[in-house]
PDB file of all heavy atoms in Angstrom:
ATOM      1  N   LEU A   1       0.812  -1.213   0.000  1.00  0.00           N
ATOM      2  CA  LEU A   1       0.000   0.000   0.000  1.00  0.00           C
ATOM      3  C   LEU A   1       0.847   1.266   0.000  1.00  0.00           C
ATOM      4  O   LEU A   1       0.321   2.366  -0.140  1.00  0.00           O
ATOM      5  CB  LEU A   1      -0.941   0.013   1.214  1.00  0.00           C
ATOM      6  CG  LEU A   1      -1.962  -1.119   1.258  1.00  0.00           C
ATOM      7  CD1 LEU A   1      -2.787  -1.046   2.537  1.00  0.00           C
ATOM      8  CD2 LEU A   1      -2.879  -1.071   0.042  1.00  0.00           C
ATOM      9  N   CYS A   2       2.166   1.105   0.175  1.00  0.00           N
ATOM     10  CA  CYS A   2       3.061   2.262   0.166  1.00  0.00           C
ATOM     11  C   CYS A   2       4.481   1.793  -0.147  1.00  0.00           C
ATOM     12  O   CYS A   2       4.918   0.771   0.404  1.00  0.00           O
ATOM     13  CB  CYS A   2       3.031   2.967   1.528  1.00  0.00           C
ATOM     14  SG  CYS A   2       4.093   4.427   1.617  1.00  0.00           S
ATOM     15  N   PRO A   3       5.218   2.496  -1.015  1.00  0.00           N
ATOM     16  CA  PRO A   3       6.612   2.103  -1.306  1.00  0.00           C
ATOM     17  C   PRO A   3       7.489   2.239  -0.069  1.00  0.00           C
ATOM     18  O   PRO A   3       7.353   3.197   0.689  1.00  0.00           O
ATOM     19  CB  PRO A   3       7.037   3.098  -2.392  1.00  0.00           C
ATOM     20  CG  PRO A   3       5.777   3.715  -2.901  1.00  0.00           C
ATOM     21  CD  PRO A   3       4.800   3.683  -1.773  1.00  0.00           C
ATOM     22  N   THR A   4       8.391   1.305   0.133  1.00  0.00           N
ATOM     23  CA  THR A   4       9.256   1.343   1.312  1.00  0.00           C
ATOM     24  C   THR A   4      10.225   2.522   1.277  1.00  0.00           C
ATOM     25  O   THR A   4      10.517   3.110   2.315  1.00  0.00           O
ATOM     26  CB  THR A   4      10.050   0.033   1.435  1.00  0.00           C
ATOM     27  OG1 THR A   4      10.730  -0.216   0.197  1.00  0.00           O
ATOM     28  CG2 THR A   4       9.131  -1.128   1.734  1.00  0.00           C
ATOM     29  N   THR A   5      10.724   2.876   0.088  1.00  0.00           N
ATOM     30  CA  THR A   5      11.645   4.014  -0.002  1.00  0.00           C
ATOM     31  C   THR A   5      10.943   5.306   0.394  1.00  0.00           C
ATOM     32  O   THR A   5      11.489   6.141   1.117  1.00  0.00           O
ATOM     33  CB  THR A   5      12.212   4.142  -1.426  1.00  0.00           C
ATOM     34  OG1 THR A   5      12.917   2.949  -1.762  1.00  0.00           O
ATOM     35  CG2 THR A   5      13.163   5.325  -1.522  1.00  0.00           C
ATOM     36  N   PHE A   6       9.715   5.456  -0.058  1.00  0.00           N
ATOM     37  CA  PHE A   6       8.922   6.630   0.320  1.00  0.00           C
ATOM     38  C   PHE A   6       8.716   6.652   1.827  1.00  0.00           C
ATOM     39  O   PHE A   6       8.826   7.703   2.466  1.00  0.00           O
ATOM     40  CB  PHE A   6       7.585   6.618  -0.411  1.00  0.00           C
ATOM     41  CG  PHE A   6       6.716   7.793  -0.085  1.00  0.00           C
ATOM     42  CD1 PHE A   6       6.815   8.968  -0.807  1.00  0.00           C
ATOM     43  CD2 PHE A   6       5.816   7.739   0.975  1.00  0.00           C
ATOM     44  CE1 PHE A   6       6.020  10.066  -0.497  1.00  0.00           C
ATOM     45  CE2 PHE A   6       5.018   8.832   1.286  1.00  0.00           C
ATOM     46  CZ  PHE A   6       5.118   9.991   0.551  1.00  0.00           C
ATOM     47  N   PHE A   7       8.418   5.490   2.410  1.00  0.00           N
ATOM     48  CA  PHE A   7       8.190   5.436   3.848  1.00  0.00           C
ATOM     49  C   PHE A   7       9.470   5.763   4.613  1.00  0.00           C
ATOM     50  O   PHE A   7       9.425   6.365   5.695  1.00  0.00           O
ATOM     51  CB  PHE A   7       7.669   4.060   4.260  1.00  0.00           C
ATOM     52  CG  PHE A   7       6.823   4.091   5.501  1.00  0.00           C
ATOM     53  CD1 PHE A   7       5.445   4.217   5.405  1.00  0.00           C
ATOM     54  CD2 PHE A   7       7.396   4.039   6.765  1.00  0.00           C
ATOM     55  CE1 PHE A   7       4.658   4.285   6.555  1.00  0.00           C
ATOM     56  CE2 PHE A   7       6.624   4.093   7.907  1.00  0.00           C
ATOM     57  CZ  PHE A   7       5.253   4.216   7.802  1.00  0.00           C
ATOM     58  N   ALA A   8      10.629   5.376   4.059  1.00  0.00           N
ATOM     59  CA  ALA A   8      11.899   5.718   4.699  1.00  0.00           C
ATOM     60  C   ALA A   8      12.148   7.220   4.641  1.00  0.00           C
ATOM     61  O   ALA A   8      12.637   7.822   5.611  1.00  0.00           O
ATOM     62  CB  ALA A   8      13.042   4.962   4.029  1.00  0.00           C
ATOM     63  N   LEU A   9      11.834   7.861   3.505  1.00  0.00           N
ATOM     64  CA  LEU A   9      11.937   9.317   3.420  1.00  0.00           C
ATOM     65  C   LEU A   9      11.033   9.983   4.447  1.00  0.00           C
ATOM     66  O   LEU A   9      11.436  10.926   5.142  1.00  0.00           O
ATOM     67  CB  LEU A   9      11.536   9.772   2.014  1.00  0.00           C
ATOM     68  CG  LEU A   9      12.501   9.473   0.871  1.00  0.00           C
ATOM     69  CD1 LEU A   9      11.814   9.744  -0.469  1.00  0.00           C
ATOM     70  CD2 LEU A   9      13.766  10.294   0.983  1.00  0.00           C
ATOM     71  N   PHE A  10       9.817   9.490   4.531  1.00  0.00           N
ATOM     72  CA  PHE A  10       8.849   9.998   5.503  1.00  0.00           C
ATOM     73  C   PHE A  10       9.375   9.844   6.930  1.00  0.00           C
ATOM     74  O   PHE A  10       9.289  10.755   7.753  1.00  0.00           O
ATOM     75  CB  PHE A  10       7.529   9.246   5.320  1.00  0.00           C
ATOM     76  CG  PHE A  10       6.576   9.365   6.475  1.00  0.00           C
ATOM     77  CD1 PHE A  10       5.767  10.472   6.604  1.00  0.00           C
ATOM     78  CD2 PHE A  10       6.499   8.365   7.435  1.00  0.00           C
ATOM     79  CE1 PHE A  10       4.875  10.580   7.665  1.00  0.00           C
ATOM     80  CE2 PHE A  10       5.619   8.463   8.487  1.00  0.00           C
ATOM     81  CZ  PHE A  10       4.809   9.572   8.617  1.00  0.00           C
ATOM     82  N   THR A  11       9.955   8.663   7.230  1.00  0.00           N
ATOM     83  CA  THR A  11      10.484   8.400   8.566  1.00  0.00           C
ATOM     84  C   THR A  11      11.607   9.361   8.909  1.00  0.00           C
ATOM     85  O   THR A  11      11.665   9.911  10.018  1.00  0.00           O
ATOM     86  CB  THR A  11      10.990   6.951   8.663  1.00  0.00           C
ATOM     87  OG1 THR A  11       9.906   6.056   8.441  1.00  0.00           O
ATOM     88  CG2 THR A  11      11.617   6.672  10.024  1.00  0.00           C
ATOM     89  N   GLY A  12      12.532   9.572   7.953  1.00  0.00           N
ATOM     90  CA  GLY A  12      13.627  10.500   8.197  1.00  0.00           C
ATOM     91  C   GLY A  12      13.145  11.909   8.437  1.00  0.00           C
ATOM     92  O   GLY A  12      13.633  12.608   9.339  1.00  0.00           O
ATOM     93  N   TYR A  13      12.174  12.343   7.663  1.00  0.00           N
ATOM     94  CA  TYR A  13      11.655  13.701   7.784  1.00  0.00           C
ATOM     95  C   TYR A  13      10.928  13.912   9.110  1.00  0.00           C
ATOM     96  O   TYR A  13      11.098  14.946   9.767  1.00  0.00           O
ATOM     97  CB  TYR A  13      10.706  13.989   6.620  1.00  0.00           C
ATOM     98  CG  TYR A  13      10.061  15.349   6.701  1.00  0.00           C
ATOM     99  CD1 TYR A  13      10.809  16.508   6.487  1.00  0.00           C
ATOM    100  CD2 TYR A  13       8.708  15.481   6.991  1.00  0.00           C
ATOM    101  CE1 TYR A  13      10.217  17.755   6.568  1.00  0.00           C
ATOM    102  CE2 TYR A  13       8.107  16.723   7.075  1.00  0.00           C
ATOM    103  CZ  TYR A  13       8.870  17.871   6.863  1.00  0.00           C
ATOM    104  OH  TYR A  13       8.284  19.102   6.954  1.00  0.00           O
ATOM    105  N   VAL A  14      10.131  12.922   9.530  1.00  0.00           N
ATOM    106  CA  VAL A  14       9.297  13.080  10.725  1.00  0.00           C
ATOM    107  C   VAL A  14      10.043  12.697  12.005  1.00  0.00           C
ATOM    108  O   VAL A  14       9.980  13.410  13.007  1.00  0.00           O
ATOM    109  CB  VAL A  14       8.002  12.249  10.596  1.00  0.00           C
ATOM    110  CG1 VAL A  14       7.197  12.281  11.890  1.00  0.00           C
ATOM    111  CG2 VAL A  14       7.152  12.760   9.436  1.00  0.00           C
ATOM    112  N   TYR A  15      10.769  11.576  11.966  1.00  0.00           N
ATOM    113  CA  TYR A  15      11.349  11.024  13.197  1.00  0.00           C
ATOM    114  C   TYR A  15      12.871  11.151  13.284  1.00  0.00           C
ATOM    115  O   TYR A  15      13.436  10.968  14.364  1.00  0.00           O
ATOM    116  CB  TYR A  15      10.986   9.541  13.334  1.00  0.00           C
ATOM    117  CG  TYR A  15       9.514   9.281  13.488  1.00  0.00           C
ATOM    118  CD1 TYR A  15       8.773   8.714  12.457  1.00  0.00           C
ATOM    119  CD2 TYR A  15       8.839   9.608  14.663  1.00  0.00           C
ATOM    120  CE1 TYR A  15       7.412   8.475  12.592  1.00  0.00           C
ATOM    121  CE2 TYR A  15       7.481   9.369  14.812  1.00  0.00           C
ATOM    122  CZ  TYR A  15       6.781   8.799  13.762  1.00  0.00           C
ATOM    123  OH  TYR A  15       5.436   8.567  13.899  1.00  0.00           O
ATOM    124  N   GLY A  16      13.541  11.415  12.170  1.00  0.00           N
ATOM    125  CA  GLY A  16      14.993  11.430  12.192  1.00  0.00           C
ATOM    126  C   GLY A  16      15.546  10.020  12.375  1.00  0.00           C
ATOM    127  O   GLY A  16      14.865   9.027  12.115  1.00  0.00           O
ATOM    128  N   PHE A  17      16.781   9.923  12.867  1.00  0.00           N
ATOM    129  CA  PHE A  17      17.410   8.616  13.031  1.00  0.00           C
ATOM    130  C   PHE A  17      16.760   7.784  14.132  1.00  0.00           C
ATOM    131  O   PHE A  17      16.973   6.568  14.198  1.00  0.00           O
ATOM    132  CB  PHE A  17      18.907   8.768  13.315  1.00  0.00           C
ATOM    133  CG  PHE A  17      19.713   9.070  12.087  1.00  0.00           C
ATOM    134  CD1 PHE A  17      20.477  10.221  12.007  1.00  0.00           C
ATOM    135  CD2 PHE A  17      19.701   8.203  11.006  1.00  0.00           C
ATOM    136  CE1 PHE A  17      21.222  10.509  10.878  1.00  0.00           C
ATOM    137  CE2 PHE A  17      20.433   8.486   9.868  1.00  0.00           C
ATOM    138  CZ  PHE A  17      21.199   9.639   9.799  1.00  0.00           C
ATOM    139  N   SER A  18      15.986   8.407  15.004  1.00  0.00           N
ATOM    140  CA  SER A  18      15.295   7.639  16.043  1.00  0.00           C
ATOM    141  C   SER A  18      14.260   6.694  15.436  1.00  0.00           C
ATOM    142  O   SER A  18      13.832   5.732  16.085  1.00  0.00           O
ATOM    143  CB  SER A  18      14.615   8.582  17.040  1.00  0.00           C
ATOM    144  OG  SER A  18      13.587   9.335  16.407  1.00  0.00           O
ATOM    145  N   GLY A  19      13.851   6.963  14.204  1.00  0.00           N
ATOM    146  CA  GLY A  19      12.891   6.090  13.546  1.00  0.00           C
ATOM    147  C   GLY A  19      13.522   4.969  12.753  1.00  0.00           C
ATOM    148  O   GLY A  19      12.816   4.113  12.197  1.00  0.00           O
ATOM    149  N   LEU A  20      14.874   4.915  12.710  1.00  0.00           N
ATOM    150  CA  LEU A  20      15.555   3.930  11.865  1.00  0.00           C
ATOM    151  C   LEU A  20      15.332   2.496  12.349  1.00  0.00           C
ATOM    152  O   LEU A  20      15.007   1.608  11.546  1.00  0.00           O
ATOM    153  CB  LEU A  20      17.059   4.241  11.815  1.00  0.00           C
ATOM    154  CG  LEU A  20      17.882   3.405  10.835  1.00  0.00           C
ATOM    155  CD1 LEU A  20      17.371   3.579   9.410  1.00  0.00           C
ATOM    156  CD2 LEU A  20      19.360   3.800  10.917  1.00  0.00           C
ATOM    157  N   LEU A  21      15.509   2.241  13.647  1.00  0.00           N
ATOM    158  CA  LEU A  21      15.343   0.882  14.167  1.00  0.00           C
ATOM    159  C   LEU A  21      13.912   0.362  14.003  1.00  0.00           C
ATOM    160  O   LEU A  21      13.722  -0.739  13.468  1.00  0.00           O
ATOM    161  CB  LEU A  21      15.780   0.812  15.636  1.00  0.00           C
ATOM    162  CG  LEU A  21      15.625  -0.565  16.301  1.00  0.00           C
ATOM    163  CD1 LEU A  21      16.439  -1.616  15.546  1.00  0.00           C
ATOM    164  CD2 LEU A  21      16.045  -0.505  17.771  1.00  0.00           C
ATOM    165  N   PRO A  22      12.890   1.115  14.440  1.00  0.00           N
ATOM    166  CA  PRO A  22      11.532   0.607  14.209  1.00  0.00           C
ATOM    167  C   PRO A  22      11.199   0.455  12.729  1.00  0.00           C
ATOM    168  O   PRO A  22      10.439  -0.443  12.346  1.00  0.00           O
ATOM    169  CB  PRO A  22      10.628   1.651  14.877  1.00  0.00           C
ATOM    170  CG  PRO A  22      11.473   2.845  15.082  1.00  0.00           C
ATOM    171  CD  PRO A  22      12.872   2.366  15.239  1.00  0.00           C
ATOM    172  N   LEU A  23      11.803   1.297  11.881  1.00  0.00           N
ATOM    173  CA  LEU A  23      11.575   1.168  10.440  1.00  0.00           C
ATOM    174  C   LEU A  23      12.140  -0.157   9.927  1.00  0.00           C
ATOM    175  O   LEU A  23      11.485  -0.860   9.151  1.00  0.00           O
ATOM    176  CB  LEU A  23      12.227   2.339   9.704  1.00  0.00           C
ATOM    177  CG  LEU A  23      12.143   2.288   8.177  1.00  0.00           C
ATOM    178  CD1 LEU A  23      10.687   2.395   7.713  1.00  0.00           C
ATOM    179  CD2 LEU A  23      12.980   3.410   7.557  1.00  0.00           C
ATOM    180  N   ILE A  24      13.338  -0.521  10.365  1.00  0.00           N
ATOM    181  CA  ILE A  24      13.951  -1.780   9.934  1.00  0.00           C
ATOM    182  C   ILE A  24      13.128  -2.968  10.422  1.00  0.00           C
ATOM    183  O   ILE A  24      12.914  -3.951   9.683  1.00  0.00           O
ATOM    184  CB  ILE A  24      15.413  -1.866  10.443  1.00  0.00           C
ATOM    185  CG1 ILE A  24      16.271  -0.819   9.726  1.00  0.00           C
ATOM    186  CG2 ILE A  24      15.982  -3.264  10.220  1.00  0.00           C
ATOM    187  CD1 ILE A  24      17.667  -0.683  10.287  1.00  0.00           C
ATOM    188  N   LEU A  25      12.650  -2.908  11.663  1.00  0.00           N
ATOM    189  CA  LEU A  25      11.793  -3.980  12.185  1.00  0.00           C
ATOM    190  C   LEU A  25      10.487  -4.074  11.390  1.00  0.00           C
ATOM    191  O   LEU A  25      10.008  -5.172  11.084  1.00  0.00           O
ATOM    192  CB  LEU A  25      11.495  -3.729  13.665  1.00  0.00           C
ATOM    193  CG  LEU A  25      12.695  -3.802  14.609  1.00  0.00           C
ATOM    194  CD1 LEU A  25      12.276  -3.440  16.036  1.00  0.00           C
ATOM    195  CD2 LEU A  25      13.324  -5.196  14.586  1.00  0.00           C
ATOM    196  N   ALA A  26       9.932  -2.907  11.040  1.00  0.00           N
ATOM    197  CA  ALA A  26       8.702  -2.897  10.239  1.00  0.00           C
ATOM    198  C   ALA A  26       8.969  -3.457   8.851  1.00  0.00           C
ATOM    199  O   ALA A  26       8.134  -4.190   8.293  1.00  0.00           O
ATOM    200  CB  ALA A  26       8.150  -1.472  10.142  1.00  0.00           C
ATOM    201  N   TYR A  27      10.131  -3.131   8.277  1.00  0.00           N
ATOM    202  CA  TYR A  27      10.515  -3.699   6.978  1.00  0.00           C
ATOM    203  C   TYR A  27      10.544  -5.224   7.037  1.00  0.00           C
ATOM    204  O   TYR A  27      10.040  -5.907   6.142  1.00  0.00           O
ATOM    205  CB  TYR A  27      11.917  -3.209   6.594  1.00  0.00           C
ATOM    206  CG  TYR A  27      11.960  -1.923   5.820  1.00  0.00           C
ATOM    207  CD1 TYR A  27      13.177  -1.327   5.517  1.00  0.00           C
ATOM    208  CD2 TYR A  27      10.804  -1.292   5.376  1.00  0.00           C
ATOM    209  CE1 TYR A  27      13.246  -0.135   4.799  1.00  0.00           C
ATOM    210  CE2 TYR A  27      10.859  -0.102   4.670  1.00  0.00           C
ATOM    211  CZ  TYR A  27      12.085   0.472   4.383  1.00  0.00           C
ATOM    212  OH  TYR A  27      12.159   1.642   3.670  1.00  0.00           O
ATOM    213  N   SER A  28      11.184  -5.752   8.079  1.00  0.00           N
ATOM    214  CA  SER A  28      11.312  -7.203   8.206  1.00  0.00           C
ATOM    215  C   SER A  28       9.946  -7.867   8.346  1.00  0.00           C
ATOM    216  O   SER A  28       9.676  -8.898   7.715  1.00  0.00           O
ATOM    217  CB  SER A  28      12.195  -7.545   9.418  1.00  0.00           C
ATOM    218  OG  SER A  28      13.494  -7.023   9.255  1.00  0.00           O
ATOM    219  N   ALA A  29       9.078  -7.260   9.168  1.00  0.00           N
ATOM    220  CA  ALA A  29       7.730  -7.807   9.327  1.00  0.00           C
ATOM    221  C   ALA A  29       6.948  -7.719   8.021  1.00  0.00           C
ATOM    222  O   ALA A  29       6.215  -8.648   7.645  1.00  0.00           O
ATOM    223  CB  ALA A  29       6.991  -7.053  10.434  1.00  0.00           C
ATOM    224  N   ALA A  30       7.106  -6.606   7.295  1.00  0.00           N
ATOM    225  CA  ALA A  30       6.436  -6.448   6.000  1.00  0.00           C
ATOM    226  C   ALA A  30       6.953  -7.458   4.987  1.00  0.00           C
ATOM    227  O   ALA A  30       6.183  -8.005   4.180  1.00  0.00           O
ATOM    228  CB  ALA A  30       6.645  -5.023   5.485  1.00  0.00           C
ATOM    229  N   SER A  31       8.258  -7.725   5.017  1.00  0.00           N
ATOM    230  CA  SER A  31       8.843  -8.729   4.120  1.00  0.00           C
ATOM    231  C   SER A  31       8.234 -10.097   4.379  1.00  0.00           C
ATOM    232  O   SER A  31       7.865 -10.828   3.442  1.00  0.00           O
ATOM    233  CB  SER A  31      10.366  -8.800   4.309  1.00  0.00           C
ATOM    234  OG  SER A  31      10.984  -7.596   3.934  1.00  0.00           O
ATOM    235  N   ALA A  32       8.131 -10.452   5.661  1.00  0.00           N
ATOM    236  CA  ALA A  32       7.564 -11.754   6.019  1.00  0.00           C
ATOM    237  C   ALA A  32       6.111 -11.852   5.576  1.00  0.00           C
ATOM    238  O   ALA A  32       5.681 -12.884   5.027  1.00  0.00           O
ATOM    239  CB  ALA A  32       7.672 -11.962   7.532  1.00  0.00           C
ATOM    240  N   LEU A  33       5.343 -10.786   5.777  1.00  0.00           N
ATOM    241  CA  LEU A  33       3.938 -10.786   5.363  1.00  0.00           C
ATOM    242  C   LEU A  33       3.817 -10.960   3.851  1.00  0.00           C
ATOM    243  O   LEU A  33       3.031 -11.791   3.371  1.00  0.00           O
ATOM    244  CB  LEU A  33       3.275  -9.477   5.797  1.00  0.00           C
ATOM    245  CG  LEU A  33       1.821  -9.271   5.348  1.00  0.00           C
ATOM    246  CD1 LEU A  33       0.925 -10.379   5.885  1.00  0.00           C
ATOM    247  CD2 LEU A  33       1.321  -7.889   5.792  1.00  0.00           C
ATOM    248  N   GLY A  34       4.591 -10.175   3.104  1.00  0.00           N
ATOM    249  CA  GLY A  34       4.541 -10.281   1.649  1.00  0.00           C
ATOM    250  C   GLY A  34       4.977 -11.643   1.152  1.00  0.00           C
ATOM    251  O   GLY A  34       4.402 -12.190   0.195  1.00  0.00           O
ATOM    252  N   TYR A  35       5.987 -12.215   1.806  1.00  0.00           N
ATOM    253  CA  TYR A  35       6.498 -13.537   1.430  1.00  0.00           C
ATOM    254  C   TYR A  35       5.424 -14.614   1.605  1.00  0.00           C
ATOM    255  O   TYR A  35       5.169 -15.412   0.699  1.00  0.00           O
ATOM    256  CB  TYR A  35       7.722 -13.843   2.293  1.00  0.00           C
ATOM    257  CG  TYR A  35       8.350 -15.208   2.063  1.00  0.00           C
ATOM    258  CD1 TYR A  35       9.382 -15.367   1.145  1.00  0.00           C
ATOM    259  CD2 TYR A  35       7.930 -16.325   2.792  1.00  0.00           C
ATOM    260  CE1 TYR A  35       9.968 -16.605   0.954  1.00  0.00           C
ATOM    261  CE2 TYR A  35       8.515 -17.561   2.600  1.00  0.00           C
ATOM    262  CZ  TYR A  35       9.535 -17.697   1.676  1.00  0.00           C
ATOM    263  OH  TYR A  35      10.113 -18.934   1.487  1.00  0.00           O
ATOM    264  N   PHE A  36       4.782 -14.633   2.773  1.00  0.00           N
ATOM    265  CA  PHE A  36       3.801 -15.689   3.042  1.00  0.00           C
ATOM    266  C   PHE A  36       2.517 -15.511   2.236  1.00  0.00           C
ATOM    267  O   PHE A  36       1.878 -16.491   1.850  1.00  0.00           O
ATOM    268  CB  PHE A  36       3.511 -15.769   4.538  1.00  0.00           C
ATOM    269  CG  PHE A  36       4.629 -16.393   5.321  1.00  0.00           C
ATOM    270  CD1 PHE A  36       5.322 -15.652   6.274  1.00  0.00           C
ATOM    271  CD2 PHE A  36       5.010 -17.704   5.087  1.00  0.00           C
ATOM    272  CE1 PHE A  36       6.368 -16.225   6.986  1.00  0.00           C
ATOM    273  CE2 PHE A  36       6.062 -18.291   5.790  1.00  0.00           C
ATOM    274  CZ  PHE A  36       6.741 -17.542   6.741  1.00  0.00           C
ATOM    275  N   LEU A  37       2.150 -14.259   1.948  1.00  0.00           N
ATOM    276  CA  LEU A  37       1.004 -14.037   1.071  1.00  0.00           C
ATOM    277  C   LEU A  37       1.279 -14.576  -0.331  1.00  0.00           C
ATOM    278  O   LEU A  37       0.420 -15.227  -0.949  1.00  0.00           O
ATOM    279  CB  LEU A  37       0.674 -12.538   1.000  1.00  0.00           C
ATOM    280  CG  LEU A  37      -0.063 -11.929   2.183  1.00  0.00           C
ATOM    281  CD1 LEU A  37      -0.220 -10.422   1.981  1.00  0.00           C
ATOM    282  CD2 LEU A  37      -1.436 -12.578   2.367  1.00  0.00           C
ATOM    283  N   ALA A  38       2.480 -14.303  -0.830  1.00  0.00           N
ATOM    284  CA  ALA A  38       2.842 -14.787  -2.157  1.00  0.00           C
ATOM    285  C   ALA A  38       2.950 -16.308  -2.175  1.00  0.00           C
ATOM    286  O   ALA A  38       2.578 -16.952  -3.161  1.00  0.00           O
ATOM    287  CB  ALA A  38       4.164 -14.152  -2.594  1.00  0.00           C
ATOM    288  N   LYS A  39       3.470 -16.889  -1.086  1.00  0.00           N
ATOM    289  CA  LYS A  39       3.554 -18.346  -0.987  1.00  0.00           C
ATOM    290  C   LYS A  39       2.167 -18.965  -1.090  1.00  0.00           C
ATOM    291  O   LYS A  39       1.967 -19.988  -1.761  1.00  0.00           O
ATOM    292  CB  LYS A  39       4.193 -18.739   0.347  1.00  0.00           C
ATOM    293  CG  LYS A  39       5.695 -18.852   0.331  1.00  0.00           C
ATOM    294  CD  LYS A  39       6.123 -20.142  -0.339  1.00  0.00           C
ATOM    295  CE  LYS A  39       7.608 -20.387  -0.130  1.00  0.00           C
ATOM    296  NZ  LYS A  39       8.055 -21.608  -0.841  1.00  0.00           N
TER     297      LYS A  39
END
């Protein structure tokens, strides 16, 4: 529903580097969701 690069730009603009760790965790969870849906 949203490009990850765009969401990373958004995270940097709104949260700065404090948003980097939760963003990476969200990426990993999103990857797993997309993987199992495709499976």
